[in-house]
PDB file of N, CA and C in Angstrom:
ATOM      1  N   MET A   1      25.043  81.896 -56.032  1.00  0.00           N
ATOM      2  CA  MET A   1      25.204  80.232 -55.470  1.00  0.00           C
ATOM      3  C   MET A   1      23.866  79.656 -55.559  1.00  0.00           C
ATOM      4  N   GLU A   2      22.956  80.310 -55.388  1.00  0.00           N
ATOM      5  CA  GLU A   2      21.614  79.789 -55.357  1.00  0.00           C
ATOM      6  C   GLU A   2      20.878  79.472 -56.689  1.00  0.00           C
ATOM      7  N   LYS A   3      21.520  80.384 -57.765  1.00  0.00           N
ATOM      8  CA  LYS A   3      21.275  80.008 -59.473  1.00  0.00           C
ATOM      9  C   LYS A   3      22.036  78.826 -59.445  1.00  0.00           C
ATOM     10  N   ALA A   4      22.974  78.503 -58.947  1.00  0.00           N
ATOM     11  CA  ALA A   4      23.865  77.155 -59.391  1.00  0.00           C
ATOM     12  C   ALA A   4      23.259  76.041 -58.830  1.00  0.00           C
ATOM     13  N   LEU A   5      22.599  76.193 -57.451  1.00  0.00           N
ATOM     14  CA  LEU A   5      21.722  74.889 -56.852  1.00  0.00           C
ATOM     15  C   LEU A   5      20.344  74.533 -57.896  1.00  0.00           C
ATOM     16  N   TRP A   6      19.829  75.977 -58.506  1.00  0.00           N
ATOM     17  CA  TRP A   6      18.757  75.558 -59.539  1.00  0.00           C
ATOM     18  C   TRP A   6      18.980  74.873 -60.192  1.00  0.00           C
ATOM     19  N   ALA A   7      20.066  75.070 -61.162  1.00  0.00           N
ATOM     20  CA  ALA A   7      20.573  74.552 -62.119  1.00  0.00           C
ATOM     21  C   ALA A   7      20.951  73.220 -62.028  1.00  0.00           C
ATOM     22  N   GLY A   8      21.528  73.055 -60.668  1.00  0.00           N
ATOM     23  CA  GLY A   8      21.866  71.753 -60.412  1.00  0.00           C
ATOM     24  C   GLY A   8      20.430  70.864 -60.525  1.00  0.00           C
ATOM     25  N   VAL A   9      19.739  71.120 -59.767  1.00  0.00           N
ATOM     26  CA  VAL A   9      18.255  70.203 -59.250  1.00  0.00           C
ATOM     27  C   VAL A   9      17.492  70.383 -60.750  1.00  0.00           C
ATOM     28  N   GLY A  10      17.357  71.117 -61.598  1.00  0.00           N
ATOM     29  CA  GLY A  10      17.083  71.157 -62.849  1.00  0.00           C
ATOM     30  C   GLY A  10      17.670  70.170 -63.575  1.00  0.00           C
ATOM     31  N   GLY A  11      19.125  70.066 -63.513  1.00  0.00           N
ATOM     32  CA  GLY A  11      19.649  69.183 -64.202  1.00  0.00           C
ATOM     33  C   GLY A  11      19.649  67.901 -63.712  1.00  0.00           C
ATOM     34  N   PHE A  12      19.370  67.542 -63.044  1.00  0.00           N
ATOM     35  CA  PHE A  12      19.187  66.099 -62.224  1.00  0.00           C
ATOM     36  C   PHE A  12      17.706  66.071 -62.674  1.00  0.00           C
ATOM     37  N   ILE A  13      16.863  66.717 -62.844  1.00  0.00           N
ATOM     38  CA  ILE A  13      15.378  66.350 -63.343  1.00  0.00           C
ATOM     39  C   ILE A  13      15.563  65.966 -64.950  1.00  0.00           C
ATOM     40  N   GLY A  14      16.152  66.947 -65.497  1.00  0.00           N
ATOM     41  CA  GLY A  14      16.224  66.679 -66.957  1.00  0.00           C
ATOM     42  C   GLY A  14      17.030  65.459 -67.233  1.00  0.00           C
ATOM     43  N   SER A  15      18.010  65.133 -66.547  1.00  0.00           N
ATOM     44  CA  SER A  15      19.013  63.931 -66.995  1.00  0.00           C
ATOM     45  C   SER A  15      18.381  62.606 -66.552  1.00  0.00           C
ATOM     46  N   ALA A  16      17.576  62.525 -65.682  1.00  0.00           N
ATOM     47  CA  ALA A  16      16.496  61.384 -65.408  1.00  0.00           C
ATOM     48  C   ALA A  16      15.561  61.355 -66.401  1.00  0.00           C
ATOM     49  N   ALA A  17      14.941  62.474 -66.792  1.00  0.00           N
ATOM     50  CA  ALA A  17      14.159  62.788 -67.556  1.00  0.00           C
ATOM     51  C   ALA A  17      14.561  62.007 -69.069  1.00  0.00           C
ATOM     52  N   ARG A  18      15.764  62.451 -69.498  1.00  0.00           N
ATOM     53  CA  ARG A  18      16.355  61.944 -70.537  1.00  0.00           C
ATOM     54  C   ARG A  18      16.541  60.227 -70.715  1.00  0.00           C
ATOM     55  N   TYR A  19      17.022  60.010 -69.526  1.00  0.00           N
ATOM     56  CA  TYR A  19      17.538  58.844 -69.339  1.00  0.00           C
ATOM     57  C   TYR A  19      16.293  57.686 -69.809  1.00  0.00           C
ATOM     58  N   VAL A  20      15.019  57.960 -68.567  1.00  0.00           N
ATOM     59  CA  VAL A  20      13.797  57.461 -69.120  1.00  0.00           C
ATOM     60  C   VAL A  20      13.098  57.545 -70.442  1.00  0.00           C
ATOM     61  N   MET A  21      13.126  58.418 -70.863  1.00  0.00           N
ATOM     62  CA  MET A  21      12.645  58.575 -72.423  1.00  0.00           C
ATOM     63  C   MET A  21      13.597  57.960 -73.432  1.00  0.00           C
ATOM     64  N   GLY A  22      14.942  58.237 -73.176  1.00  0.00           N
ATOM     65  CA  GLY A  22      15.816  57.523 -74.184  1.00  0.00           C
ATOM     66  C   GLY A  22      15.536  55.850 -73.965  1.00  0.00           C
ATOM     67  N   GLY A  23      15.645  55.521 -72.856  1.00  0.00           N
ATOM     68  CA  GLY A  23      15.490  53.975 -72.775  1.00  0.00           C
ATOM     69  C   GLY A  23      14.068  53.670 -73.425  1.00  0.00           C
ATOM     70  N   TYR A  24      12.862  54.292 -72.908  1.00  0.00           N
ATOM     71  CA  TYR A  24      11.800  53.996 -73.675  1.00  0.00           C
ATOM     72  C   TYR A  24      11.737  54.126 -75.187  1.00  0.00           C
ATOM     73  N   ILE A  25      12.085  55.139 -76.047  1.00  0.00           N
ATOM     74  CA  ILE A  25      12.250  55.045 -77.247  1.00  0.00           C
ATOM     75  C   ILE A  25      13.198  54.028 -77.824  1.00  0.00           C
ATOM     76  N   ALA A  26      14.633  53.462 -77.156  1.00  0.00           N
ATOM     77  CA  ALA A  26      15.393  52.447 -77.582  1.00  0.00           C
ATOM     78  C   ALA A  26      14.651  51.429 -77.592  1.00  0.00           C
ATOM     79  N   ARG A  27      13.886  51.253 -76.604  1.00  0.00           N
ATOM     80  CA  ARG A  27      13.200  49.817 -76.996  1.00  0.00           C
ATOM     81  C   ARG A  27      12.163  49.887 -78.090  1.00  0.00           C
ATOM     82  N   LEU A  28      11.428  50.995 -78.216  1.00  0.00           N
ATOM     83  CA  LEU A  28      10.815  50.999 -79.455  1.00  0.00           C
ATOM     84  C   LEU A  28      11.239  50.879 -80.734  1.00  0.00           C
ATOM     85  N   THR A  29      12.705  51.209 -80.911  1.00  0.00           N
ATOM     86  CA  THR A  29      13.212  51.505 -82.094  1.00  0.00           C
ATOM     87  C   THR A  29      14.588  50.534 -82.241  1.00  0.00           C
ATOM     88  N   GLN A  30      14.455  49.591 -81.297  1.00  0.00           N
ATOM     89  CA  GLN A  30      15.932  48.730 -81.420  1.00  0.00           C
ATOM     90  C   GLN A  30      16.600  47.919 -82.655  1.00  0.00           C
ATOM     91  N   ASN A  31      15.651  48.063 -83.551  1.00  0.00           N
ATOM     92  CA  ASN A  31      15.979  47.316 -84.805  1.00  0.00           C
ATOM     93  C   ASN A  31      16.362  48.267 -85.859  1.00  0.00           C
ATOM     94  N   LEU A  32      16.274  49.613 -85.762  1.00  0.00           N
ATOM     95  CA  LEU A  32      16.773  50.520 -86.405  1.00  0.00           C
ATOM     96  C   LEU A  32      18.236  51.020 -86.277  1.00  0.00           C
ATOM     97  N   PRO A  33      18.808  51.063 -87.382  1.00  0.00           N
ATOM     98  CA  PRO A  33      20.455  51.361 -87.343  1.00  0.00           C
ATOM     99  C   PRO A  33      20.679  52.733 -87.239  1.00  0.00           C
ATOM    100  N   PHE A  34      19.942  53.542 -86.527  1.00  0.00           N
ATOM    101  CA  PHE A  34      19.785  54.962 -86.591  1.00  0.00           C
ATOM    102  C   PHE A  34      19.654  55.592 -84.968  1.00  0.00           C
ATOM    103  N   PRO A  35      20.197  56.421 -84.339  1.00  0.00           N
ATOM    104  CA  PRO A  35      19.907  56.936 -83.036  1.00  0.00           C
ATOM    105  C   PRO A  35      18.826  57.604 -82.714  1.00  0.00           C
ATOM    106  N   VAL A  36      17.649  57.128 -82.933  1.00  0.00           N
ATOM    107  CA  VAL A  36      16.512  57.919 -82.968  1.00  0.00           C
ATOM    108  C   VAL A  36      16.120  58.342 -81.500  1.00  0.00           C
ATOM    109  N   GLU A  37      16.387  58.046 -80.520  1.00  0.00           N
ATOM    110  CA  GLU A  37      16.183  58.389 -79.329  1.00  0.00           C
ATOM    111  C   GLU A  37      16.859  59.684 -79.143  1.00  0.00           C
ATOM    112  N   THR A  38      17.920  59.968 -79.395  1.00  0.00           N
ATOM    113  CA  THR A  38      18.830  61.125 -79.021  1.00  0.00           C
ATOM    114  C   THR A  38      18.231  62.239 -80.193  1.00  0.00           C
ATOM    115  N   LEU A  39      17.890  61.851 -81.377  1.00  0.00           N
ATOM    116  CA  LEU A  39      17.006  62.989 -82.332  1.00  0.00           C
ATOM    117  C   LEU A  39      15.733  63.356 -81.586  1.00  0.00           C
ATOM    118  N   VAL A  40      14.839  62.286 -80.884  1.00  0.00           N
ATOM    119  CA  VAL A  40      13.636  62.548 -80.611  1.00  0.00           C
ATOM    120  C   VAL A  40      13.906  63.593 -79.350  1.00  0.00           C
ATOM    121  N   ILE A  41      14.642  63.154 -78.419  1.00  0.00           N
ATOM    122  CA  ILE A  41      14.917  64.155 -77.156  1.00  0.00           C
ATOM    123  C   ILE A  41      15.450  65.344 -77.624  1.00  0.00           C
ATOM    124  N   ASN A  42      16.353  65.555 -78.523  1.00  0.00           N
ATOM    125  CA  ASN A  42      16.844  66.812 -78.863  1.00  0.00           C
ATOM    126  C   ASN A  42      15.546  67.762 -79.567  1.00  0.00           C
ATOM    127  N   VAL A  43      14.816  67.188 -80.242  1.00  0.00           N
ATOM    128  CA  VAL A  43      13.935  67.820 -81.204  1.00  0.00           C
ATOM    129  C   VAL A  43      12.800  68.467 -80.084  1.00  0.00           C
ATOM    130  N   VAL A  44      12.162  67.231 -79.143  1.00  0.00           N
ATOM    131  CA  VAL A  44      11.479  68.059 -77.840  1.00  0.00           C
ATOM    132  C   VAL A  44      12.032  68.792 -76.916  1.00  0.00           C
ATOM    133  N   GLY A  45      13.453  68.586 -76.796  1.00  0.00           N
ATOM    134  CA  GLY A  45      13.968  69.756 -75.845  1.00  0.00           C
ATOM    135  C   GLY A  45      13.977  71.433 -76.754  1.00  0.00           C
ATOM    136  N   CYS A  46      14.365  71.025 -77.951  1.00  0.00           N
ATOM    137  CA  CYS A  46      14.599  72.301 -78.660  1.00  0.00           C
ATOM    138  C   CYS A  46      12.838  72.878 -78.894  1.00  0.00           C
ATOM    139  N   SER A  47      12.249  71.970 -79.054  1.00  0.00           N
ATOM    140  CA  SER A  47      10.392  72.861 -78.905  1.00  0.00           C
ATOM    141  C   SER A  47      10.123  73.341 -77.645  1.00  0.00           C
ATOM    142  N   LEU A  48      10.526  72.680 -76.994  1.00  0.00           N
ATOM    143  CA  LEU A  48      10.171  72.792 -75.249  1.00  0.00           C
ATOM    144  C   LEU A  48      10.692  74.473 -75.256  1.00  0.00           C
ATOM    145  N   LEU A  49      12.287  74.509 -75.263  1.00  0.00           N
ATOM    146  CA  LEU A  49      12.902  75.649 -75.160  1.00  0.00           C
ATOM    147  C   LEU A  49      12.480  76.952 -76.054  1.00  0.00           C
ATOM    148  N   GLY A  50      12.289  76.741 -77.162  1.00  0.00           N
ATOM    149  CA  GLY A  50      11.899  77.800 -78.003  1.00  0.00           C
ATOM    150  C   GLY A  50      10.357  77.873 -77.647  1.00  0.00           C
ATOM    151  N   PHE A  51       9.393  77.041 -76.875  1.00  0.00           N
ATOM    152  CA  PHE A  51       8.113  77.722 -76.623  1.00  0.00           C
ATOM    153  C   PHE A  51       8.381  78.493 -75.161  1.00  0.00           C
ATOM    154  N   LEU A  52       9.215  77.956 -74.250  1.00  0.00           N
ATOM    155  CA  LEU A  52       9.464  78.582 -72.747  1.00  0.00           C
ATOM    156  C   LEU A  52      10.040  79.850 -73.187  1.00  0.00           C
ATOM    157  N   ALA A  53      11.047  80.125 -73.978  1.00  0.00           N
ATOM    158  CA  ALA A  53      12.019  81.214 -74.046  1.00  0.00           C
ATOM    159  C   ALA A  53      10.900  82.214 -74.908  1.00  0.00           C
ATOM    160  N   GLY A  54       9.797  81.796 -75.514  1.00  0.00           N
ATOM    161  CA  GLY A  54       9.031  82.870 -76.142  1.00  0.00           C
ATOM    162  C   GLY A  54       8.027  83.120 -75.113  1.00  0.00           C
ATOM    163  N   LEU A  55       7.769  82.386 -74.093  1.00  0.00           N
ATOM    164  CA  LEU A  55       6.595  82.893 -73.106  1.00  0.00           C
ATOM    165  C   LEU A  55       7.649  83.510 -72.061  1.00  0.00           C
ATOM    166  N   ALA A  56       8.937  83.385 -72.059  1.00  0.00           N
ATOM    167  CA  ALA A  56       9.851  84.600 -71.131  1.00  0.00           C
ATOM    168  C   ALA A  56       9.801  85.646 -71.817  1.00  0.00           C
ATOM    169  N   GLU A  57      10.068  85.841 -73.331  1.00  0.00           N
ATOM    170  CA  GLU A  57      10.285  86.831 -74.035  1.00  0.00           C
ATOM    171  C   GLU A  57       9.336  87.913 -74.237  1.00  0.00           C
ATOM    172  N   PHE A  58       7.957  87.193 -74.829  1.00  0.00           N
ATOM    173  CA  PHE A  58       6.786  87.395 -75.114  1.00  0.00           C
ATOM    174  C   PHE A  58       5.767  88.125 -74.082  1.00  0.00           C
ATOM    175  N   ARG A  59       5.827  87.065 -72.842  1.00  0.00           N
ATOM    176  CA  ARG A  59       4.948  87.297 -72.071  1.00  0.00           C
ATOM    177  C   ARG A  59       5.499  87.859 -70.824  1.00  0.00           C
ATOM    178  N   GLY A  60       6.759  87.809 -70.559  1.00  0.00           N
ATOM    179  CA  GLY A  60       7.281  88.329 -69.411  1.00  0.00           C
ATOM    180  C   GLY A  60       7.481  87.225 -68.265  1.00  0.00           C
ATOM    181  N   MET A  61       7.217  85.951 -68.689  1.00  0.00           N
ATOM    182  CA  MET A  61       7.043  84.935 -67.756  1.00  0.00           C
ATOM    183  C   MET A  61       8.460  84.510 -66.979  1.00  0.00           C
ATOM    184  N   PHE A  62       8.552  83.817 -65.948  1.00  0.00           N
ATOM    185  CA  PHE A  62       9.666  83.369 -65.326  1.00  0.00           C
ATOM    186  C   PHE A  62      10.720  84.162 -64.924  1.00  0.00           C
ATOM    187  N   SER A  63      11.183  84.240 -63.544  1.00  0.00           N
ATOM    188  CA  SER A  63      12.021  85.134 -62.806  1.00  0.00           C
ATOM    189  C   SER A  63      13.481  84.566 -63.410  1.00  0.00           C
ATOM    190  N   ALA A  64      14.257  85.303 -63.060  1.00  0.00           N
ATOM    191  CA  ALA A  64      15.936  84.848 -63.462  1.00  0.00           C
ATOM    192  C   ALA A  64      16.108  83.300 -62.869  1.00  0.00           C
ATOM    193  N   GLU A  65      15.821  82.958 -61.651  1.00  0.00           N
ATOM    194  CA  GLU A  65      15.763  81.827 -61.006  1.00  0.00           C
ATOM    195  C   GLU A  65      15.115  80.812 -61.825  1.00  0.00           C
ATOM    196  N   ALA A  66      14.080  80.994 -62.229  1.00  0.00           N
ATOM    197  CA  ALA A  66      13.236  79.782 -62.809  1.00  0.00           C
ATOM    198  C   ALA A  66      13.726  79.658 -64.554  1.00  0.00           C
ATOM    199  N   ARG A  67      14.019  80.864 -64.890  1.00  0.00           N
ATOM    200  CA  ARG A  67      14.829  80.543 -66.190  1.00  0.00           C
ATOM    201  C   ARG A  67      16.144  79.663 -66.126  1.00  0.00           C
ATOM    202  N   VAL A  68      16.936  80.233 -65.097  1.00  0.00           N
ATOM    203  CA  VAL A  68      17.735  79.036 -64.855  1.00  0.00           C
ATOM    204  C   VAL A  68      17.525  77.764 -64.748  1.00  0.00           C
ATOM    205  N   PHE A  69      16.941  77.319 -63.907  1.00  0.00           N
ATOM    206  CA  PHE A  69      15.925  76.003 -63.465  1.00  0.00           C
ATOM    207  C   PHE A  69      15.640  75.516 -64.740  1.00  0.00           C
ATOM    208  N   LEU A  70      14.879  76.250 -65.457  1.00  0.00           N
ATOM    209  CA  LEU A  70      14.024  75.416 -66.601  1.00  0.00           C
ATOM    210  C   LEU A  70      15.246  75.289 -67.844  1.00  0.00           C
ATOM    211  N   PHE A  71      15.969  76.630 -68.136  1.00  0.00           N
ATOM    212  CA  PHE A  71      16.530  76.189 -69.791  1.00  0.00           C
ATOM    213  C   PHE A  71      18.182  75.695 -69.356  1.00  0.00           C
ATOM    214  N   ILE A  72      18.744  76.162 -68.438  1.00  0.00           N
ATOM    215  CA  ILE A  72      20.249  75.412 -68.172  1.00  0.00           C
ATOM    216  C   ILE A  72      19.768  74.089 -67.586  1.00  0.00           C
ATOM    217  N   GLY A  73      19.190  74.020 -66.468  1.00  0.00           N
ATOM    218  CA  GLY A  73      19.062  72.756 -65.554  1.00  0.00           C
ATOM    219  C   GLY A  73      18.200  71.703 -66.419  1.00  0.00           C
ATOM    220  N   ILE A  74      17.005  71.943 -66.387  1.00  0.00           N
ATOM    221  CA  ILE A  74      16.095  70.642 -66.907  1.00  0.00           C
ATOM    222  C   ILE A  74      16.338  70.522 -68.436  1.00  0.00           C
ATOM    223  N   LEU A  75      16.190  71.710 -69.267  1.00  0.00           N
ATOM    224  CA  LEU A  75      16.429  71.100 -70.547  1.00  0.00           C
ATOM    225  C   LEU A  75      17.984  71.143 -71.072  1.00  0.00           C
ATOM    226  N   GLY A  76      18.798  71.730 -70.420  1.00  0.00           N
ATOM    227  CA  GLY A  76      20.217  71.598 -70.551  1.00  0.00           C
ATOM    228  C   GLY A  76      20.779  69.889 -70.269  1.00  0.00           C
ATOM    229  N   GLY A  77      20.099  69.512 -69.099  1.00  0.00           N
ATOM    230  CA  GLY A  77      20.222  67.789 -68.509  1.00  0.00           C
ATOM    231  C   GLY A  77      19.586  66.968 -69.719  1.00  0.00           C
ATOM    232  N   PHE A  78      18.658  67.502 -70.148  1.00  0.00           N
ATOM    233  CA  PHE A  78      17.455  66.653 -70.909  1.00  0.00           C
ATOM    234  C   PHE A  78      18.256  66.527 -72.359  1.00  0.00           C
ATOM    235  N   THR A  79      18.783  67.621 -72.923  1.00  0.00           N
ATOM    236  CA  THR A  79      19.260  67.387 -74.670  1.00  0.00           C
ATOM    237  C   THR A  79      20.545  67.077 -74.181  1.00  0.00           C
ATOM    238  N   THR A  80      21.219  67.081 -75.427  1.00  0.00           N
ATOM    239  CA  THR A  80      22.591  66.751 -75.396  1.00  0.00           C
ATOM    240  C   THR A  80      23.399  66.744 -76.951  1.00  0.00           C
ATOM    241  N   PHE A  81      24.334  67.238 -76.865  1.00  0.00           N
ATOM    242  CA  PHE A  81      24.980  67.371 -77.844  1.00  0.00           C
ATOM    243  C   PHE A  81      25.960  66.829 -78.188  1.00  0.00           C
ATOM    244  N   SER A  82      26.623  66.055 -77.128  1.00  0.00           N
ATOM    245  CA  SER A  82      27.654  65.423 -76.885  1.00  0.00           C
ATOM    246  C   SER A  82      27.282  64.039 -77.132  1.00  0.00           C
ATOM    247  N   THR A  83      26.081  63.365 -76.960  1.00  0.00           N
ATOM    248  CA  THR A  83      25.637  62.017 -77.336  1.00  0.00           C
ATOM    249  C   THR A  83      25.461  62.295 -78.828  1.00  0.00           C
ATOM    250  N   PHE A  84      24.832  63.095 -79.396  1.00  0.00           N
ATOM    251  CA  PHE A  84      24.850  63.470 -80.945  1.00  0.00           C
ATOM    252  C   PHE A  84      26.116  63.124 -81.646  1.00  0.00           C
ATOM    253  N   GLY A  85      26.965  64.186 -81.043  1.00  0.00           N
ATOM    254  CA  GLY A  85      28.325  63.796 -81.665  1.00  0.00           C
ATOM    255  C   GLY A  85      29.103  62.464 -81.711  1.00  0.00           C
ATOM    256  N   TYR A  86      29.076  61.826 -80.679  1.00  0.00           N
ATOM    257  CA  TYR A  86      29.271  60.654 -80.310  1.00  0.00           C
ATOM    258  C   TYR A  86      28.472  59.512 -81.346  1.00  0.00           C
ATOM    259  N   GLU A  87      27.288  59.489 -81.253  1.00  0.00           N
ATOM    260  CA  GLU A  87      26.767  58.704 -82.249  1.00  0.00           C
ATOM    261  C   GLU A  87      26.768  58.789 -83.791  1.00  0.00           C
ATOM    262  N   THR A  88      27.094  60.026 -84.030  1.00  0.00           N
ATOM    263  CA  THR A  88      27.379  60.187 -85.277  1.00  0.00           C
ATOM    264  C   THR A  88      28.722  59.568 -85.922  1.00  0.00           C
ATOM    265  N   VAL A  89      29.935  59.968 -84.787  1.00  0.00           N
ATOM    266  CA  VAL A  89      31.293  59.503 -85.138  1.00  0.00           C
ATOM    267  C   VAL A  89      30.742  57.863 -85.254  1.00  0.00           C
ATOM    268  N   GLN A  90      30.280  57.185 -84.365  1.00  0.00           N
ATOM    269  CA  GLN A  90      30.438  55.835 -84.436  1.00  0.00           C
ATOM    270  C   GLN A  90      29.551  55.181 -85.567  1.00  0.00           C
ATOM    271  N   LEU A  91      28.691  55.964 -86.342  1.00  0.00           N
ATOM    272  CA  LEU A  91      27.903  55.802 -87.619  1.00  0.00           C
ATOM    273  C   LEU A  91      28.723  55.668 -88.703  1.00  0.00           C
ATOM    274  N   VAL A  92      29.823  56.707 -88.654  1.00  0.00           N
ATOM    275  CA  VAL A  92      31.141  56.693 -89.786  1.00  0.00           C
ATOM    276  C   VAL A  92      32.103  55.711 -89.873  1.00  0.00           C
ATOM    277  N   ARG A  93      32.307  55.529 -88.289  1.00  0.00           N
ATOM    278  CA  ARG A  93      33.356  54.409 -87.986  1.00  0.00           C
ATOM    279  C   ARG A  93      32.808  53.102 -88.232  1.00  0.00           C
ATOM    280  N   ASP A  94      31.324  53.045 -88.168  1.00  0.00           N
ATOM    281  CA  ASP A  94      30.714  51.590 -88.368  1.00  0.00           C
ATOM    282  C   ASP A  94      30.709  51.675 -89.967  1.00  0.00           C
ATOM    283  N   GLY A  95      31.088  52.507 -90.901  1.00  0.00           N
ATOM    284  CA  GLY A  95      30.677  52.382 -92.140  1.00  0.00           C
ATOM    285  C   GLY A  95      29.737  52.771 -92.651  1.00  0.00           C
ATOM    286  N   GLN A  96      28.647  53.562 -91.943  1.00  0.00           N
ATOM    287  CA  GLN A  96      27.193  54.094 -92.259  1.00  0.00           C
ATOM    288  C   GLN A  96      27.399  55.485 -92.316  1.00  0.00           C
ATOM    289  N   GLN A  97      28.159  55.797 -93.315  1.00  0.00           N
ATOM    290  CA  GLN A  97      28.166  57.439 -93.693  1.00  0.00           C
ATOM    291  C   GLN A  97      26.787  57.938 -94.013  1.00  0.00           C
ATOM    292  N   GLY A  98      26.253  57.521 -94.832  1.00  0.00           N
ATOM    293  CA  GLY A  98      24.789  57.932 -94.880  1.00  0.00           C
ATOM    294  C   GLY A  98      23.748  58.222 -93.895  1.00  0.00           C
ATOM    295  N   TRP A  99      24.065  57.272 -93.131  1.00  0.00           N
ATOM    296  CA  TRP A  99      23.020  57.535 -91.867  1.00  0.00           C
ATOM    297  C   TRP A  99      23.980  58.546 -90.761  1.00  0.00           C
ATOM    298  N   GLY A 100      25.194  58.650 -90.989  1.00  0.00           N
ATOM    299  CA  GLY A 100      25.815  59.802 -90.127  1.00  0.00           C
ATOM    300  C   GLY A 100      25.490  61.106 -90.677  1.00  0.00           C
ATOM    301  N   TRP A 101      25.673  61.257 -92.177  1.00  0.00           N
ATOM    302  CA  TRP A 101      25.004  62.559 -92.543  1.00  0.00           C
ATOM    303  C   TRP A 101      23.456  62.946 -92.359  1.00  0.00           C
ATOM    304  N   MET A 102      22.805  61.969 -92.381  1.00  0.00           N
ATOM    305  CA  MET A 102      21.493  62.002 -92.506  1.00  0.00           C
ATOM    306  C   MET A 102      21.275  62.381 -90.714  1.00  0.00           C
ATOM    307  N   ASN A 103      22.202  61.866 -89.791  1.00  0.00           N
ATOM    308  CA  ASN A 103      22.098  62.146 -88.222  1.00  0.00           C
ATOM    309  C   ASN A 103      22.272  63.839 -88.413  1.00  0.00           C
ATOM    310  N   ILE A 104      23.075  64.029 -88.807  1.00  0.00           N
ATOM    311  CA  ILE A 104      23.843  65.599 -88.882  1.00  0.00           C
ATOM    312  C   ILE A 104      22.550  66.450 -89.272  1.00  0.00           C
ATOM    313  N   ALA A 105      22.080  66.217 -90.636  1.00  0.00           N
ATOM    314  CA  ALA A 105      20.723  66.850 -91.078  1.00  0.00           C
ATOM    315  C   ALA A 105      19.896  67.150 -90.485  1.00  0.00           C
ATOM    316  N   LEU A 106      19.160  65.853 -89.979  1.00  0.00           N
ATOM    317  CA  LEU A 106      18.139  65.756 -89.279  1.00  0.00           C
ATOM    318  C   LEU A 106      18.161  66.591 -87.870  1.00  0.00           C
ATOM    319  N   GLN A 107      19.291  66.484 -87.081  1.00  0.00           N
ATOM    320  CA  GLN A 107      19.507  67.040 -85.767  1.00  0.00           C
ATOM    321  C   GLN A 107      19.510  68.565 -86.031  1.00  0.00           C
ATOM    322  N   ILE A 108      20.174  69.169 -87.011  1.00  0.00           N
ATOM    323  CA  ILE A 108      20.100  70.537 -87.281  1.00  0.00           C
ATOM    324  C   ILE A 108      18.952  71.285 -87.794  1.00  0.00           C
ATOM    325  N   VAL A 109      18.385  70.569 -88.957  1.00  0.00           N
ATOM    326  CA  VAL A 109      16.955  70.849 -89.120  1.00  0.00           C
ATOM    327  C   VAL A 109      16.027  70.714 -88.543  1.00  0.00           C
ATOM    328  N   LEU A 110      15.521  69.605 -87.693  1.00  0.00           N
ATOM    329  CA  LEU A 110      14.443  69.398 -86.728  1.00  0.00           C
ATOM    330  C   LEU A 110      14.714  69.972 -85.739  1.00  0.00           C
ATOM    331  N   GLY A 111      16.116  70.262 -85.414  1.00  0.00           N
ATOM    332  CA  GLY A 111      16.379  71.183 -83.963  1.00  0.00           C
ATOM    333  C   GLY A 111      16.079  72.699 -84.037  1.00  0.00           C
ATOM    334  N   ILE A 112      16.393  73.043 -84.865  1.00  0.00           N
ATOM    335  CA  ILE A 112      16.424  74.703 -85.197  1.00  0.00           C
ATOM    336  C   ILE A 112      14.991  74.766 -85.563  1.00  0.00           C
ATOM    337  N   GLY A 113      14.420  73.822 -86.733  1.00  0.00           N
ATOM    338  CA  GLY A 113      12.607  74.004 -86.826  1.00  0.00           C
ATOM    339  C   GLY A 113      11.910  73.766 -85.641  1.00  0.00           C
ATOM    340  N   SER A 114      12.142  73.049 -84.902  1.00  0.00           N
ATOM    341  CA  SER A 114      11.599  73.011 -83.621  1.00  0.00           C
ATOM    342  C   SER A 114      11.261  74.025 -82.701  1.00  0.00           C
ATOM    343  N   THR A 115      12.658  74.615 -82.287  1.00  0.00           N
ATOM    344  CA  THR A 115      12.981  75.748 -81.683  1.00  0.00           C
ATOM    345  C   THR A 115      12.271  76.930 -82.617  1.00  0.00           C
ATOM    346  N   TRP A 116      12.133  77.013 -83.383  1.00  0.00           N
ATOM    347  CA  TRP A 116      11.212  77.950 -84.155  1.00  0.00           C
ATOM    348  C   TRP A 116       9.816  77.890 -84.191  1.00  0.00           C
ATOM    349  N   ILE A 117       9.517  76.350 -84.112  1.00  0.00           N
ATOM    350  CA  ILE A 117       7.992  76.464 -83.978  1.00  0.00           C
ATOM    351  C   ILE A 117       7.534  76.548 -82.497  1.00  0.00           C
ATOM    352  N   GLY A 118       8.495  76.209 -81.710  1.00  0.00           N
ATOM    353  CA  GLY A 118       7.894  76.454 -80.236  1.00  0.00           C
ATOM    354  C   GLY A 118       7.893  77.952 -79.929  1.00  0.00           C
ATOM    355  N   LEU A 119       8.683  78.783 -80.514  1.00  0.00           N
ATOM    356  CA  LEU A 119       8.838  80.363 -80.321  1.00  0.00           C
ATOM    357  C   LEU A 119       7.463  80.700 -81.079  1.00  0.00           C
ATOM    358  N   THR A 120       7.311  80.246 -82.167  1.00  0.00           N
ATOM    359  CA  THR A 120       6.231  80.833 -82.874  1.00  0.00           C
ATOM    360  C   THR A 120       4.769  80.317 -82.085  1.00  0.00           C
ATOM    361  N   PHE A 121       4.779  79.130 -81.573  1.00  0.00           N
ATOM    362  CA  PHE A 121       3.673  78.761 -80.767  1.00  0.00           C
ATOM    363  C   PHE A 121       3.245  79.272 -79.530  1.00  0.00           C
ATOM    364  N   SER A 122       4.546  79.879 -79.036  1.00  0.00           N
ATOM    365  CA  SER A 122       4.387  80.556 -77.807  1.00  0.00           C
ATOM    366  C   SER A 122       3.701  82.109 -77.940  1.00  0.00           C
ATOM    367  N   ARG A 123       3.742  82.708 -79.209  1.00  0.00           N
ATOM    368  CA  ARG A 123       3.213  84.005 -79.320  1.00  0.00           C
ATOM    369  C   ARG A 123       1.690  83.831 -79.784  1.00  0.00           C
ATOM    370  N   MET A 124       1.238  82.582 -80.079  1.00  0.00           N
ATOM    371  CA  MET A 124      -0.115  82.547 -80.201  1.00  0.00           C
ATOM    372  C   MET A 124      -1.218  81.932 -78.908  1.00  0.00           C
ATOM    373  N   VAL A 125      -0.152  81.340 -77.727  1.00  0.00           N
ATOM    374  CA  VAL A 125      -0.937  81.140 -76.600  1.00  0.00           C
ATOM    375  C   VAL A 125      -1.283  82.457 -75.943  1.00  0.00           C
TER     376      VAL A 125
END
């Protein structure tokens, strides 16, 4: 039960951070026909997850509770696959198939790439 509480508290923090950061990015990119805020948030989240997971794996950092709080809670609340899916469908439904495919490609390539970079960077720290 304690881990569920840590996941919930972390989820609140991550969701609030996503809301604030997403709003800020949306204001900066409001004239673009592409959901930049979700892409940036997911890439940042993947980078952080890769880095923190690397610290946990290579340096033995973080207790089980801290991992739940950080990985499931904060980063789970911060990143979002469902928004990515919805925005991609909306692009396609709006007749913007090219942007839809670009969103898929960028989310996958940059998400996995930034996770790899985060893991690699954690080994150097």
